[in-house]
Protein backbone atom coordinates (compact mmCIF):
# COMPACT_ATOMS: atom_id res chain seq x y z
CA MET A 1 19.16 -2.82 27.15
CA THR A 2 17.07 -5.92 26.49
CA PRO A 3 18.26 -7.80 23.40
CA SER A 4 15.81 -8.27 20.54
CA LEU A 5 14.47 -11.64 19.43
CA ARG A 6 16.68 -11.48 16.34
CA GLU A 7 19.78 -10.86 18.46
CA ILE A 8 18.95 -13.76 20.79
CA GLN A 9 18.34 -16.10 17.86
CA LYS A 10 21.62 -15.02 16.31
CA ARG A 11 23.46 -15.90 19.55
CA ILE A 12 21.71 -19.29 19.65
CA ASN A 13 22.79 -20.09 16.10
CA SER A 14 26.36 -18.97 16.80
CA THR A 15 26.56 -21.07 19.98
CA GLU A 16 25.18 -24.14 18.19
CA LYS A 17 27.92 -23.81 15.54
CA THR A 18 30.54 -23.55 18.28
CA LYS A 19 29.08 -26.62 19.96
CA LYS A 20 29.44 -28.64 16.75
CA ILE A 21 33.12 -27.64 16.53
CA THR A 22 33.93 -28.43 20.17
CA ASN A 23 32.07 -31.74 19.97
CA ALA A 24 34.04 -32.73 16.87
CA MET A 25 37.32 -31.73 18.58
CA HIS A 26 36.30 -33.80 21.61
CA MET A 27 35.80 -36.89 19.48
CA VAL A 28 39.10 -36.36 17.63
CA ALA A 29 40.99 -35.93 20.92
CA ALA A 30 39.33 -39.07 22.35
CA SER A 31 40.46 -41.05 19.30
CA LYS A 32 44.02 -39.72 19.59
CA LEU A 33 44.05 -40.47 23.32
CA GLY A 34 43.37 -44.15 22.67
CA LYS A 35 46.37 -44.38 20.33
CA SER A 36 48.57 -42.36 22.72
CA GLU A 37 47.73 -44.66 25.63
CA THR A 38 48.58 -47.68 23.48
CA ASN A 39 51.94 -46.19 22.48
CA ASN A 40 52.74 -45.28 26.08
CA GLU A 41 51.88 -48.74 27.40
CA ALA A 42 53.81 -50.46 24.60
CA PHE A 43 56.97 -48.53 25.47
CA ILE A 44 56.94 -49.39 29.18
CA PRO A 45 58.35 -52.97 28.83
CA TYR A 46 61.28 -51.68 26.75
CA ALA A 47 61.99 -48.89 29.25
CA GLU A 48 61.89 -51.30 32.17
CA LYS A 49 64.18 -53.80 30.44
CA ILE A 50 66.84 -51.28 29.44
CA GLU A 51 66.75 -49.84 32.98
CA GLU A 52 67.27 -53.33 34.41
CA MET A 53 70.20 -53.96 32.07
CA VAL A 54 71.85 -50.63 32.88
CA HIS A 55 71.52 -51.10 36.63
CA HIS A 56 72.91 -54.61 36.42
CA ILE A 57 75.97 -53.59 34.39
CA VAL A 58 76.62 -50.48 36.48
CA GLU A 59 76.47 -52.45 39.72
CA SER A 60 78.81 -55.10 38.35
CA TYR A 61 81.29 -52.69 36.83
CA GLY A 62 83.64 -51.19 39.38
CA ASP A 63 85.20 -48.32 37.42
CA HIS A 64 82.31 -45.89 37.04
CA GLN A 65 83.90 -43.21 34.87
CA HIS A 66 81.29 -42.62 32.17
CA PRO A 67 80.37 -38.88 32.08
CA ILE A 68 76.63 -39.64 32.11
CA LEU A 69 77.07 -41.48 35.40
CA ILE A 70 79.36 -39.10 37.25
CA PRO A 71 77.68 -36.34 39.28
CA ARG A 72 79.50 -33.02 39.15
CA LYS A 73 79.15 -29.61 40.72
CA VAL A 74 75.96 -28.07 39.36
CA LYS A 75 76.73 -24.67 37.91
CA LYS A 76 74.06 -24.76 35.23
CA VAL A 77 70.79 -26.70 34.96
CA ALA A 78 68.97 -27.55 31.74
CA TYR A 79 65.18 -27.90 31.85
CA PHE A 80 63.67 -30.10 29.16
CA VAL A 81 60.14 -28.66 28.91
CA VAL A 82 57.35 -30.41 27.01
CA THR A 83 54.33 -28.38 25.84
CA SER A 84 51.94 -28.67 22.90
CA ASP A 85 51.93 -27.05 19.49
CA ARG A 86 48.27 -26.02 19.86
CA GLY A 87 46.11 -24.58 22.58
CA LEU A 88 42.54 -25.47 23.61
CA ALA A 89 43.87 -28.08 26.04
CA GLY A 90 42.76 -26.62 29.35
CA PRO A 91 45.59 -26.14 31.88
CA PHE A 92 47.92 -28.57 30.07
CA ASN A 93 50.47 -25.95 29.03
CA SER A 94 49.96 -23.34 31.73
CA GLN A 95 50.61 -25.72 34.63
CA VAL A 96 53.91 -26.90 33.11
CA LEU A 97 55.08 -23.34 32.43
CA ARG A 98 53.98 -22.23 35.89
CA LYS A 99 55.96 -25.07 37.48
CA LEU A 100 59.04 -24.11 35.47
CA GLU A 101 58.73 -20.49 36.58
CA GLU A 102 58.54 -21.65 40.21
CA LEU A 103 61.69 -23.75 39.84
CA ILE A 104 63.64 -20.93 38.20
CA HIS A 105 62.50 -18.36 40.75
CA LYS A 106 63.42 -20.67 43.63
CA ARG A 107 66.78 -21.96 42.36
CA HIS A 108 68.40 -19.37 40.13
CA ARG A 109 69.51 -15.79 40.54
CA THR A 110 70.42 -15.09 36.92
CA SER A 111 69.59 -16.53 33.49
CA LYS A 112 73.20 -17.76 33.20
CA GLU A 113 72.45 -20.47 35.76
CA TYR A 114 69.94 -22.32 33.60
CA THR A 115 68.94 -23.06 30.03
CA ILE A 116 65.87 -24.58 28.38
CA ILE A 117 65.35 -27.31 25.84
CA SER A 118 61.83 -26.94 24.55
CA ILE A 119 59.33 -29.15 22.75
CA GLY A 120 56.14 -27.52 21.50
CA ARG A 121 55.14 -24.20 19.96
CA MET A 122 53.35 -22.98 23.10
CA GLY A 123 56.49 -23.28 25.20
CA ARG A 124 58.76 -21.86 22.51
CA ASP A 125 56.60 -18.73 22.10
CA TYR A 126 56.31 -18.32 25.88
CA PHE A 127 60.08 -18.42 26.39
CA LYS A 128 60.75 -16.17 23.42
CA SER A 129 58.33 -13.50 24.64
CA ARG A 130 60.11 -13.43 28.02
CA ASN A 131 63.68 -13.56 26.64
CA MET A 132 64.42 -16.79 28.51
CA PRO A 133 67.57 -18.72 27.45
CA VAL A 134 66.66 -21.55 25.06
CA LEU A 135 69.40 -23.95 24.00
CA ARG A 136 67.26 -25.93 21.56
CA SER A 137 63.58 -25.99 20.55
CA VAL A 138 61.53 -28.35 18.41
CA THR A 139 57.97 -27.93 17.14
CA ASP A 140 55.48 -29.75 14.91
CA LEU A 141 56.21 -33.25 16.14
CA PRO A 142 53.54 -35.83 15.16
CA ASP A 143 50.72 -36.76 17.53
CA HIS A 144 51.95 -40.35 17.60
CA PRO A 145 55.73 -40.03 17.39
CA TYR A 146 58.23 -42.77 16.70
CA PHE A 147 61.55 -42.72 18.48
CA SER A 148 63.16 -41.60 15.23
CA ASP A 149 61.14 -38.36 15.40
CA LEU A 150 62.99 -37.40 18.60
CA GLU A 151 66.27 -39.17 17.90
CA ASP A 152 68.24 -36.07 16.91
CA LEU A 153 66.92 -34.03 19.83
CA THR A 154 67.52 -36.71 22.46
CA PHE A 155 71.00 -37.48 21.10
CA ASP A 156 71.96 -33.79 21.08
CA THR A 157 70.58 -33.30 24.59
CA VAL A 158 72.73 -36.11 26.00
CA GLN A 159 75.74 -34.83 24.05
CA PHE A 160 75.22 -31.31 25.44
CA PHE A 161 75.54 -32.80 28.93
CA VAL A 162 78.64 -34.81 28.02
CA ASP A 163 80.23 -31.70 26.47
CA GLY A 164 79.59 -29.66 29.63
CA GLU A 165 76.92 -27.30 28.27
CA PHE A 166 75.07 -27.94 31.53
CA ASP A 167 75.64 -30.06 34.63
CA GLN A 168 72.16 -31.42 35.29
CA LEU A 169 69.13 -32.19 33.14
CA GLU A 170 65.57 -32.20 34.45
CA MET A 171 62.35 -32.80 32.56
CA VAL A 172 59.22 -30.77 33.29
CA TYR A 173 56.18 -32.39 31.74
CA ASN A 174 52.64 -33.66 32.32
CA HIS A 175 52.63 -37.18 33.75
CA PHE A 176 49.69 -39.25 32.50
CA VAL A 177 47.71 -40.67 35.43
CA SER A 178 44.42 -41.39 33.70
CA ALA A 179 42.07 -39.93 31.08
CA VAL A 180 40.73 -37.50 33.67
CA SER A 181 43.89 -36.84 35.67
CA GLN A 182 47.31 -35.48 34.68
CA GLU A 183 49.93 -34.05 37.00
CA VAL A 184 53.06 -31.99 36.44
CA ARG A 185 56.21 -33.96 37.15
CA VAL A 186 59.82 -32.81 37.49
CA LYS A 187 62.17 -35.69 36.73
CA LYS A 188 65.96 -35.67 36.86
CA ILE A 189 67.42 -37.37 33.80
CA LEU A 190 71.15 -36.61 33.95
CA PRO A 191 73.42 -37.54 35.60
CA LEU A 192 71.97 -41.03 35.98
CA VAL A 193 73.54 -41.52 39.42
CA ASN A 194 72.84 -39.36 42.47
CA GLU A 195 75.69 -38.03 44.60
CA ASP A 196 74.56 -40.19 47.52
CA ASP A 197 74.84 -43.37 45.42
CA VAL A 198 78.41 -42.89 44.23
CA ASP A 199 80.11 -44.45 47.27
CA GLN A 200 77.68 -47.36 47.22
CA LEU A 201 78.45 -48.08 43.56
CA LYS A 202 82.18 -47.98 44.22
CA THR A 203 81.86 -50.64 46.90
CA THR A 204 79.48 -52.85 44.93
CA LYS A 205 80.88 -56.30 44.38
CA HIS A 206 81.58 -57.36 40.84
CA SER A 207 79.27 -59.99 39.43
CA GLU A 208 80.60 -63.20 37.96
CA PHE A 209 79.04 -62.51 34.57
CA LEU A 210 81.22 -62.02 31.54
CA PHE A 211 80.53 -59.15 29.18
CA GLU A 212 81.43 -59.05 25.50
CA PRO A 213 83.22 -57.05 24.32
CA ASN A 214 83.50 -55.59 27.86
CA GLU A 215 81.56 -53.57 30.42
CA GLU A 216 83.08 -50.26 29.37
CA GLN A 217 82.13 -50.64 25.71
CA ILE A 218 78.63 -51.81 26.58
CA LEU A 219 78.08 -48.87 28.93
CA LYS A 220 79.41 -46.46 26.33
CA THR A 221 76.63 -47.55 23.98
CA LEU A 222 73.86 -48.40 26.42
CA LEU A 223 73.96 -45.43 28.79
CA PRO A 224 73.17 -42.76 26.17
CA GLN A 225 70.38 -44.97 24.83
CA TYR A 226 68.98 -45.29 28.33
CA ALA A 227 69.02 -41.53 28.87
CA GLU A 228 67.37 -41.01 25.49
CA SER A 229 64.69 -43.59 26.36
CA LEU A 230 63.87 -41.68 29.55
CA ILE A 231 63.27 -38.53 27.51
CA TYR A 232 61.21 -40.35 24.89
CA GLY A 233 59.12 -42.13 27.54
CA ALA A 234 58.31 -38.85 29.27
CA PHE A 235 57.34 -37.33 25.91
CA LEU A 236 54.92 -40.21 25.24
CA GLU A 237 53.34 -39.58 28.64
CA SER A 238 53.05 -35.90 27.82
CA LYS A 239 51.35 -36.66 24.49
CA ALA A 240 48.79 -38.87 26.21
CA SER A 241 48.22 -36.14 28.80
CA GLU A 242 47.79 -33.53 26.07
CA ASN A 243 45.12 -35.53 24.27
CA ALA A 244 43.33 -36.28 27.55
CA ALA A 245 43.44 -32.61 28.58
CA ARG A 246 42.12 -31.49 25.19
CA MET A 247 39.38 -34.12 25.26
CA ASN A 248 38.24 -32.95 28.70
CA ALA A 249 38.46 -29.28 27.74
CA MET A 250 36.36 -29.80 24.61
CA ARG A 251 33.83 -31.90 26.50
CA ASN A 252 33.47 -29.14 29.08
CA ALA A 253 33.16 -26.55 26.30
CA THR A 254 30.42 -28.64 24.66
CA ASP A 255 28.55 -28.96 27.97
CA ASN A 256 28.86 -25.21 28.55
CA ALA A 257 27.50 -24.56 25.05
CA ASP A 258 24.52 -26.80 25.83
CA ASN A 259 23.82 -24.84 29.00
CA MET A 260 24.19 -21.53 27.19
CA ILE A 261 21.82 -22.63 24.43
CA SER A 262 19.23 -23.69 27.03
CA ASP A 263 19.51 -20.32 28.78
CA LEU A 264 19.24 -18.42 25.50
CA ARG A 265 16.19 -20.40 24.40
CA LEU A 266 14.53 -19.69 27.74
CA GLN A 267 15.39 -16.01 27.29
CA TYR A 268 14.04 -16.14 23.72
CA ASN A 269 10.74 -17.73 24.83
CA ARG A 270 10.27 -15.18 27.58
CA ALA A 271 10.99 -12.32 25.21
CA ARG A 272 8.60 -13.82 22.67
CA GLN A 273 5.90 -14.15 25.31
CA ALA A 274 6.42 -10.55 26.35
CA GLN A 275 6.18 -9.45 22.73
CA ILE A 276 2.97 -11.42 22.16
CA THR A 277 1.48 -10.04 25.36
CA GLN A 278 2.35 -6.50 24.29
CA GLU A 279 0.86 -7.06 20.84
CA LEU A 280 -2.35 -8.44 22.35
CA SER A 281 -2.54 -5.48 24.72
CA GLU A 282 -2.14 -3.09 21.81
CA ILE A 283 -4.87 -4.90 19.81
CA ILE A 284 -7.26 -4.86 22.77
CA SER A 285 -6.53 -1.21 23.46
CA GLY A 286 -7.14 -0.36 19.80
CA ALA A 287 -10.45 -2.28 19.75
CA GLU A 288 -11.63 -0.55 22.93
CA ALA A 289 -10.72 2.82 21.47
CA GLN A 290 -12.84 2.08 18.35
CA ASP A 291 -15.82 1.00 20.53
CA ASP A 292 -15.65 4.31 22.37
């Protein structure tokens, strides 16, 4: 059934309202992306410096007994999954959740072999609807988080590992490549040392540097902070990726609305022409009938 002119005009008006909303969301996301990129870039020097310090102390300290360093038999894996609190971000959430499902299907036979630490409402609701084991979940974090916003979560996550709640921690999140490109990354956080590196660390020569109070005390403080910084850094990347994904999704939605409005206006003009032609035909037919 051919739609009437009123119906077509109503669809045009509705689409134009949607376009205004998506265009506004695009501009908001673009603004947030700029701040997220700045935060991410500002954190990189700190992350690199603390990594350098940790590696230096670990290589110079012969007795590597800190629980964060020591690899152990992996009986249970924790996945730290970062999603968003809101949708309308294209494949941002779905590609992370799909990657997690692939890892679980490939590695684990039962739900007792893994657990999940979740950031974001989209991930939390997804896991809850599928009865997946969640050790801890956090939602409603700010768009531009400070380290203090994640401090409790990162501290608890490291402590869970130390206490033996799980034997390996991996992050699944969107790595920020550029404003138009984000890729899912799986990054092992804990333990900090791989099994293959243990023998090498044991044979590493001690440096001639002196540590105050001593290497053990420094590592006890620094190693958890390093692990927490890895989590926080990945979260900053995820936030930048989220804003970029939402910006691109809203820009595409705005472009699609433009195309739809053009098609509807063309349809409206054709229908209007057909109506005018029909009206003229009826007038001419009526005039000819009167002449007869």
